[in-house]
Amino acid sequence: VGVNAGSLKLPSPDRTLRTEFDESDI
């Protein structure tokens, strides 16, 4: 699983990715 910052396409808003982080990370 090769994530590259140059081709980083994310769902919007960011909350769809927050499951791996708690509120203190935001």
PDB file of all heavy atoms in Angstrom:
ATOM      1  N   VAL A   1       0.879  -1.161   0.000  1.00  0.00           N
ATOM      2  CA  VAL A   1       0.000   0.000   0.000  1.00  0.00           C
ATOM      3  C   VAL A   1       0.920   1.215   0.000  1.00  0.00           C
ATOM      4  O   VAL A   1       1.509   1.563   1.015  1.00  0.00           O
ATOM      5  CB  VAL A   1      -0.930   0.002   1.223  1.00  0.00           C
ATOM      6  CG1 VAL A   1      -1.772   1.279   1.248  1.00  0.00           C
ATOM      7  CG2 VAL A   1      -1.822  -1.236   1.208  1.00  0.00           C
ATOM      8  N   GLY A   2       1.070   1.817  -1.172  1.00  0.00           N
ATOM      9  CA  GLY A   2       2.067   2.873  -1.345  1.00  0.00           C
ATOM     10  C   GLY A   2       1.431   4.243  -1.477  1.00  0.00           C
ATOM     11  O   GLY A   2       1.021   4.643  -2.571  1.00  0.00           O
ATOM     12  N   VAL A   3       1.345   4.971  -0.369  1.00  0.00           N
ATOM     13  CA  VAL A   3       0.807   6.326  -0.388  1.00  0.00           C
ATOM     14  C   VAL A   3       1.910   7.291  -0.793  1.00  0.00           C
ATOM     15  O   VAL A   3       3.042   7.201  -0.296  1.00  0.00           O
ATOM     16  CB  VAL A   3       0.241   6.712   0.993  1.00  0.00           C
ATOM     17  CG1 VAL A   3      -0.207   8.170   1.008  1.00  0.00           C
ATOM     18  CG2 VAL A   3      -0.917   5.795   1.362  1.00  0.00           C
ATOM     19  N   ASN A   4       1.581   8.208  -1.683  1.00  0.00           N
ATOM     20  CA  ASN A   4       2.542   9.211  -2.141  1.00  0.00           C
ATOM     21  C   ASN A   4       1.916  10.593  -1.968  1.00  0.00           C
ATOM     22  O   ASN A   4       0.802  10.842  -2.434  1.00  0.00           O
ATOM     23  CB  ASN A   4       2.891   8.959  -3.614  1.00  0.00           C
ATOM     24  CG  ASN A   4       4.067   9.776  -4.082  1.00  0.00           C
ATOM     25  OD1 ASN A   4       4.098  10.993  -3.911  1.00  0.00           O
ATOM     26  ND2 ASN A   4       5.036   9.119  -4.693  1.00  0.00           N
ATOM     27  N   ALA A   5       2.636  11.484  -1.287  1.00  0.00           N
ATOM     28  CA  ALA A   5       2.108  12.824  -1.024  1.00  0.00           C
ATOM     29  C   ALA A   5       1.765  13.564  -2.307  1.00  0.00           C
ATOM     30  O   ALA A   5       0.865  14.409  -2.326  1.00  0.00           O
ATOM     31  CB  ALA A   5       3.106  13.636  -0.200  1.00  0.00           C
ATOM     32  N   GLY A   6       2.456  13.250  -3.398  1.00  0.00           N
ATOM     33  CA  GLY A   6       2.220  13.941  -4.655  1.00  0.00           C
ATOM     34  C   GLY A   6       0.950  13.529  -5.365  1.00  0.00           C
ATOM     35  O   GLY A   6       0.494  14.220  -6.273  1.00  0.00           O
ATOM     36  N   SER A   7       0.372  12.378  -4.968  1.00  0.00           N
ATOM     37  CA  SER A   7      -0.884  11.937  -5.596  1.00  0.00           C
ATOM     38  C   SER A   7      -1.923  11.650  -4.525  1.00  0.00           C
ATOM     39  O   SER A   7      -2.724  10.721  -4.638  1.00  0.00           O
ATOM     40  CB  SER A   7      -0.645  10.689  -6.450  1.00  0.00           C
ATOM     41  OG  SER A   7      -0.072   9.652  -5.688  1.00  0.00           O
ATOM     42  N   LEU A   8      -1.889  12.457  -3.482  1.00  0.00           N
ATOM     43  CA  LEU A   8      -2.767  12.245  -2.332  1.00  0.00           C
ATOM     44  C   LEU A   8      -4.148  12.821  -2.626  1.00  0.00           C
ATOM     45  O   LEU A   8      -4.337  14.038  -2.646  1.00  0.00           O
ATOM     46  CB  LEU A   8      -2.162  12.927  -1.099  1.00  0.00           C
ATOM     47  CG  LEU A   8      -2.788  12.626   0.259  1.00  0.00           C
ATOM     48  CD1 LEU A   8      -2.669  11.156   0.599  1.00  0.00           C
ATOM     49  CD2 LEU A   8      -2.125  13.472   1.340  1.00  0.00           C
ATOM     50  N   LYS A   9      -5.099  11.943  -2.886  1.00  0.00           N
ATOM     51  CA  LYS A   9      -6.477  12.377  -3.124  1.00  0.00           C
ATOM     52  C   LYS A   9      -7.341  11.846  -1.994  1.00  0.00           C
ATOM     53  O   LYS A   9      -7.414  10.642  -1.773  1.00  0.00           O
ATOM     54  CB  LYS A   9      -6.979  11.857  -4.472  1.00  0.00           C
ATOM     55  CG  LYS A   9      -6.290  12.502  -5.656  1.00  0.00           C
ATOM     56  CD  LYS A   9      -6.895  12.035  -6.965  1.00  0.00           C
ATOM     57  CE  LYS A   9      -6.204  12.693  -8.154  1.00  0.00           C
ATOM     58  NZ  LYS A   9      -6.756  12.244  -9.440  1.00  0.00           N
ATOM     59  N   LEU A  10      -7.958  12.768  -1.281  1.00  0.00           N
ATOM     60  CA  LEU A  10      -8.675  12.401  -0.076  1.00  0.00           C
ATOM     61  C   LEU A  10     -10.158  12.687  -0.184  1.00  0.00           C
ATOM     62  O   LEU A  10     -10.560  13.634  -0.854  1.00  0.00           O
ATOM     63  CB  LEU A  10      -8.112  13.192   1.115  1.00  0.00           C
ATOM     64  CG  LEU A  10      -6.628  12.993   1.378  1.00  0.00           C
ATOM     65  CD1 LEU A  10      -6.154  14.024   2.375  1.00  0.00           C
ATOM     66  CD2 LEU A  10      -6.380  11.611   1.907  1.00  0.00           C
ATOM     67  N   PRO A  11     -10.972  11.890   0.493  1.00  0.00           N
ATOM     68  CA  PRO A  11     -12.378  12.240   0.593  1.00  0.00           C
ATOM     69  C   PRO A  11     -12.527  13.574   1.301  1.00  0.00           C
ATOM     70  O   PRO A  11     -11.680  13.958   2.095  1.00  0.00           O
ATOM     71  CB  PRO A  11     -12.968  11.098   1.447  1.00  0.00           C
ATOM     72  CG  PRO A  11     -11.983   9.988   1.347  1.00  0.00           C
ATOM     73  CD  PRO A  11     -10.644  10.638   1.180  1.00  0.00           C
ATOM     74  N   SER A  12     -13.581  14.292   1.028  1.00  0.00           N
ATOM     75  CA  SER A  12     -13.815  15.579   1.672  1.00  0.00           C
ATOM     76  C   SER A  12     -15.182  15.541   2.350  1.00  0.00           C
ATOM     77  O   SER A  12     -16.160  15.060   1.782  1.00  0.00           O
ATOM     78  CB  SER A  12     -13.778  16.696   0.629  1.00  0.00           C
ATOM     79  OG  SER A  12     -13.960  17.950   1.237  1.00  0.00           O
ATOM     80  N   PRO A  13     -15.286  15.998   3.589  1.00  0.00           N
ATOM     81  CA  PRO A  13     -14.250  16.610   4.406  1.00  0.00           C
ATOM     82  C   PRO A  13     -13.332  15.577   5.053  1.00  0.00           C
ATOM     83  O   PRO A  13     -13.576  14.388   4.942  1.00  0.00           O
ATOM     84  CB  PRO A  13     -15.060  17.369   5.467  1.00  0.00           C
ATOM     85  CG  PRO A  13     -16.302  16.543   5.622  1.00  0.00           C
ATOM     86  CD  PRO A  13     -16.615  16.039   4.244  1.00  0.00           C
ATOM     87  N   ASP A  14     -12.312  16.052   5.773  1.00  0.00           N
ATOM     88  CA  ASP A  14     -11.315  15.173   6.382  1.00  0.00           C
ATOM     89  C   ASP A  14     -11.903  14.211   7.408  1.00  0.00           C
ATOM     90  O   ASP A  14     -11.276  13.225   7.752  1.00  0.00           O
ATOM     91  CB  ASP A  14     -10.229  16.008   7.076  1.00  0.00           C
ATOM     92  CG  ASP A  14      -9.217  16.555   6.086  1.00  0.00           C
ATOM     93  OD1 ASP A  14      -9.241  16.153   4.913  1.00  0.00           O
ATOM     94  OD2 ASP A  14      -8.433  17.394   6.508  1.00  0.00           O
ATOM     95  N   ARG A  15     -13.098  14.482   7.895  1.00  0.00           N
ATOM     96  CA  ARG A  15     -13.631  13.626   8.958  1.00  0.00           C
ATOM     97  C   ARG A  15     -13.766  12.174   8.517  1.00  0.00           C
ATOM     98  O   ARG A  15     -13.816  11.280   9.353  1.00  0.00           O
ATOM     99  CB  ARG A  15     -14.975  14.154   9.454  1.00  0.00           C
ATOM    100  CG  ARG A  15     -16.104  14.138   8.425  1.00  0.00           C
ATOM    101  CD  ARG A  15     -17.430  14.552   9.070  1.00  0.00           C
ATOM    102  NE  ARG A  15     -18.499  14.645   8.094  1.00  0.00           N
ATOM    103  CZ  ARG A  15     -18.806  15.741   7.435  1.00  0.00           C
ATOM    104  NH1 ARG A  15     -18.117  16.857   7.666  1.00  0.00           N
ATOM    105  NH2 ARG A  15     -19.785  15.758   6.555  1.00  0.00           N
ATOM    106  N   THR A  16     -13.832  11.921   7.217  1.00  0.00           N
ATOM    107  CA  THR A  16     -13.925  10.536   6.753  1.00  0.00           C
ATOM    108  C   THR A  16     -12.658   9.747   7.031  1.00  0.00           C
ATOM    109  O   THR A  16     -12.661   8.534   6.958  1.00  0.00           O
ATOM    110  CB  THR A  16     -14.199  10.491   5.240  1.00  0.00           C
ATOM    111  OG1 THR A  16     -13.152  11.176   4.564  1.00  0.00           O
ATOM    112  CG2 THR A  16     -15.529  11.126   4.907  1.00  0.00           C
ATOM    113  N   LEU A  17     -11.556  10.456   7.343  1.00  0.00           N
ATOM    114  CA  LEU A  17     -10.292   9.780   7.633  1.00  0.00           C
ATOM    115  C   LEU A  17      -9.947   9.801   9.116  1.00  0.00           C
ATOM    116  O   LEU A  17      -8.928   9.279   9.521  1.00  0.00           O
ATOM    117  CB  LEU A  17      -9.152  10.453   6.857  1.00  0.00           C
ATOM    118  CG  LEU A  17      -9.205  10.319   5.342  1.00  0.00           C
ATOM    119  CD1 LEU A  17      -8.089  11.124   4.715  1.00  0.00           C
ATOM    120  CD2 LEU A  17      -9.112   8.875   4.922  1.00  0.00           C
ATOM    121  N   ARG A  18     -10.803  10.397   9.938  1.00  0.00           N
ATOM    122  CA  ARG A  18     -10.428  10.603  11.326  1.00  0.00           C
ATOM    123  C   ARG A  18     -10.539   9.366  12.199  1.00  0.00           C
ATOM    124  O   ARG A  18     -10.167   9.401  13.363  1.00  0.00           O
ATOM    125  CB  ARG A  18     -11.288  11.722  11.929  1.00  0.00           C
ATOM    126  CG  ARG A  18     -10.945  13.081  11.341  1.00  0.00           C
ATOM    127  CD  ARG A  18     -11.805  14.146  11.989  1.00  0.00           C
ATOM    128  NE  ARG A  18     -11.569  15.435  11.337  1.00  0.00           N
ATOM    129  CZ  ARG A  18     -12.266  16.532  11.602  1.00  0.00           C
ATOM    130  NH1 ARG A  18     -13.233  16.498  12.507  1.00  0.00           N
ATOM    131  NH2 ARG A  18     -12.009  17.655  10.976  1.00  0.00           N
ATOM    132  N   THR A  19     -11.052   8.283  11.661  1.00  0.00           N
ATOM    133  CA  THR A  19     -11.245   7.087  12.475  1.00  0.00           C
ATOM    134  C   THR A  19      -9.943   6.564  13.053  1.00  0.00           C
ATOM    135  O   THR A  19      -9.952   5.890  14.074  1.00  0.00           O
ATOM    136  CB  THR A  19     -11.904   5.975  11.646  1.00  0.00           C
ATOM    137  OG1 THR A  19     -11.123   5.743  10.474  1.00  0.00           O
ATOM    138  CG2 THR A  19     -13.310   6.366  11.244  1.00  0.00           C
ATOM    139  N   GLU A  20      -8.814   6.835  12.404  1.00  0.00           N
ATOM    140  CA  GLU A  20      -7.524   6.350  12.888  1.00  0.00           C
ATOM    141  C   GLU A  20      -6.873   7.315  13.883  1.00  0.00           C
ATOM    142  O   GLU A  20      -5.818   7.026  14.420  1.00  0.00           O
ATOM    143  CB  GLU A  20      -6.567   6.127  11.711  1.00  0.00           C
ATOM    144  CG  GLU A  20      -7.058   5.105  10.698  1.00  0.00           C
ATOM    145  CD  GLU A  20      -7.192   3.708  11.265  1.00  0.00           C
ATOM    146  OE1 GLU A  20      -6.584   3.434  12.328  1.00  0.00           O
ATOM    147  OE2 GLU A  20      -7.917   2.892  10.658  1.00  0.00           O
ATOM    148  N   PHE A  21      -7.491   8.484  14.108  1.00  0.00           N
ATOM    149  CA  PHE A  21      -6.925   9.481  15.011  1.00  0.00           C
ATOM    150  C   PHE A  21      -8.004   9.961  15.970  1.00  0.00           C
ATOM    151  O   PHE A  21      -9.195   9.943  15.662  1.00  0.00           O
ATOM    152  CB  PHE A  21      -6.381  10.681  14.220  1.00  0.00           C
ATOM    153  CG  PHE A  21      -5.209  10.336  13.364  1.00  0.00           C
ATOM    154  CD1 PHE A  21      -5.376   9.942  12.040  1.00  0.00           C
ATOM    155  CD2 PHE A  21      -3.924  10.392  13.875  1.00  0.00           C
ATOM    156  CE1 PHE A  21      -4.293   9.614  11.242  1.00  0.00           C
ATOM    157  CE2 PHE A  21      -2.842  10.062  13.084  1.00  0.00           C
ATOM    158  CZ  PHE A  21      -3.014   9.673  11.776  1.00  0.00           C
ATOM    159  N   ASP A  22      -7.584  10.420  17.146  1.00  0.00           N
ATOM    160  CA  ASP A  22      -8.557  11.006  18.067  1.00  0.00           C
ATOM    161  C   ASP A  22      -8.570  12.525  17.888  1.00  0.00           C
ATOM    162  O   ASP A  22      -7.825  13.087  17.085  1.00  0.00           O
ATOM    163  CB  ASP A  22      -8.246  10.613  19.521  1.00  0.00           C
ATOM    164  CG  ASP A  22      -6.860  11.046  19.971  1.00  0.00           C
ATOM    165  OD1 ASP A  22      -6.423  12.145  19.564  1.00  0.00           O
ATOM    166  OD2 ASP A  22      -6.220  10.299  20.716  1.00  0.00           O
ATOM    167  N   GLU A  23      -9.426  13.179  18.635  1.00  0.00           N
ATOM    168  CA  GLU A  23      -9.615  14.612  18.448  1.00  0.00           C
ATOM    169  C   GLU A  23      -8.346  15.420  18.702  1.00  0.00           C
ATOM    170  O   GLU A  23      -8.148  16.487  18.140  1.00  0.00           O
ATOM    171  CB  GLU A  23     -10.744  15.114  19.356  1.00  0.00           C
ATOM    172  CG  GLU A  23     -12.126  14.657  18.911  1.00  0.00           C
ATOM    173  CD  GLU A  23     -12.460  15.124  17.503  1.00  0.00           C
ATOM    174  OE1 GLU A  23     -12.213  16.295  17.181  1.00  0.00           O
ATOM    175  OE2 GLU A  23     -12.966  14.306  16.706  1.00  0.00           O
ATOM    176  N   SER A  24      -7.459  14.910  19.558  1.00  0.00           N
ATOM    177  CA  SER A  24      -6.228  15.648  19.867  1.00  0.00           C
ATOM    178  C   SER A  24      -5.284  15.706  18.672  1.00  0.00           C
ATOM    179  O   SER A  24      -4.373  16.526  18.637  1.00  0.00           O
ATOM    180  CB  SER A  24      -5.511  15.007  21.060  1.00  0.00           C
ATOM    181  OG  SER A  24      -5.090  13.689  20.727  1.00  0.00           O
ATOM    182  N   ASP A  25      -5.515  14.849  17.681  1.00  0.00           N
ATOM    183  CA  ASP A  25      -4.651  14.836  16.494  1.00  0.00           C
ATOM    184  C   ASP A  25      -5.104  15.841  15.444  1.00  0.00           C
ATOM    185  O   ASP A  25      -4.425  16.049  14.446  1.00  0.00           O
ATOM    186  CB  ASP A  25      -4.651  13.437  15.847  1.00  0.00           C
ATOM    187  CG  ASP A  25      -3.956  12.415  16.711  1.00  0.00           C
ATOM    188  OD1 ASP A  25      -2.787  12.649  17.053  1.00  0.00           O
ATOM    189  OD2 ASP A  25      -4.580  11.409  17.056  1.00  0.00           O
ATOM    190  N   ILE A  26      -6.258  16.441  15.640  1.00  0.00           N
ATOM    191  CA  ILE A  26      -6.833  17.329  14.641  1.00  0.00           C
ATOM    192  C   ILE A  26      -6.530  18.775  14.994  1.00  0.00           C
ATOM    193  O   ILE A  26      -6.631  19.187  16.141  1.00  0.00           O
ATOM    194  CB  ILE A  26      -8.351  17.093  14.540  1.00  0.00           C
ATOM    195  CG1 ILE A  26      -8.605  15.620  14.165  1.00  0.00           C
ATOM    196  CG2 ILE A  26      -8.989  18.026  13.534  1.00  0.00           C
ATOM    197  CD1 ILE A  26     -10.037  15.203  14.276  1.00  0.00           C
TER     198      ILE A  26
END
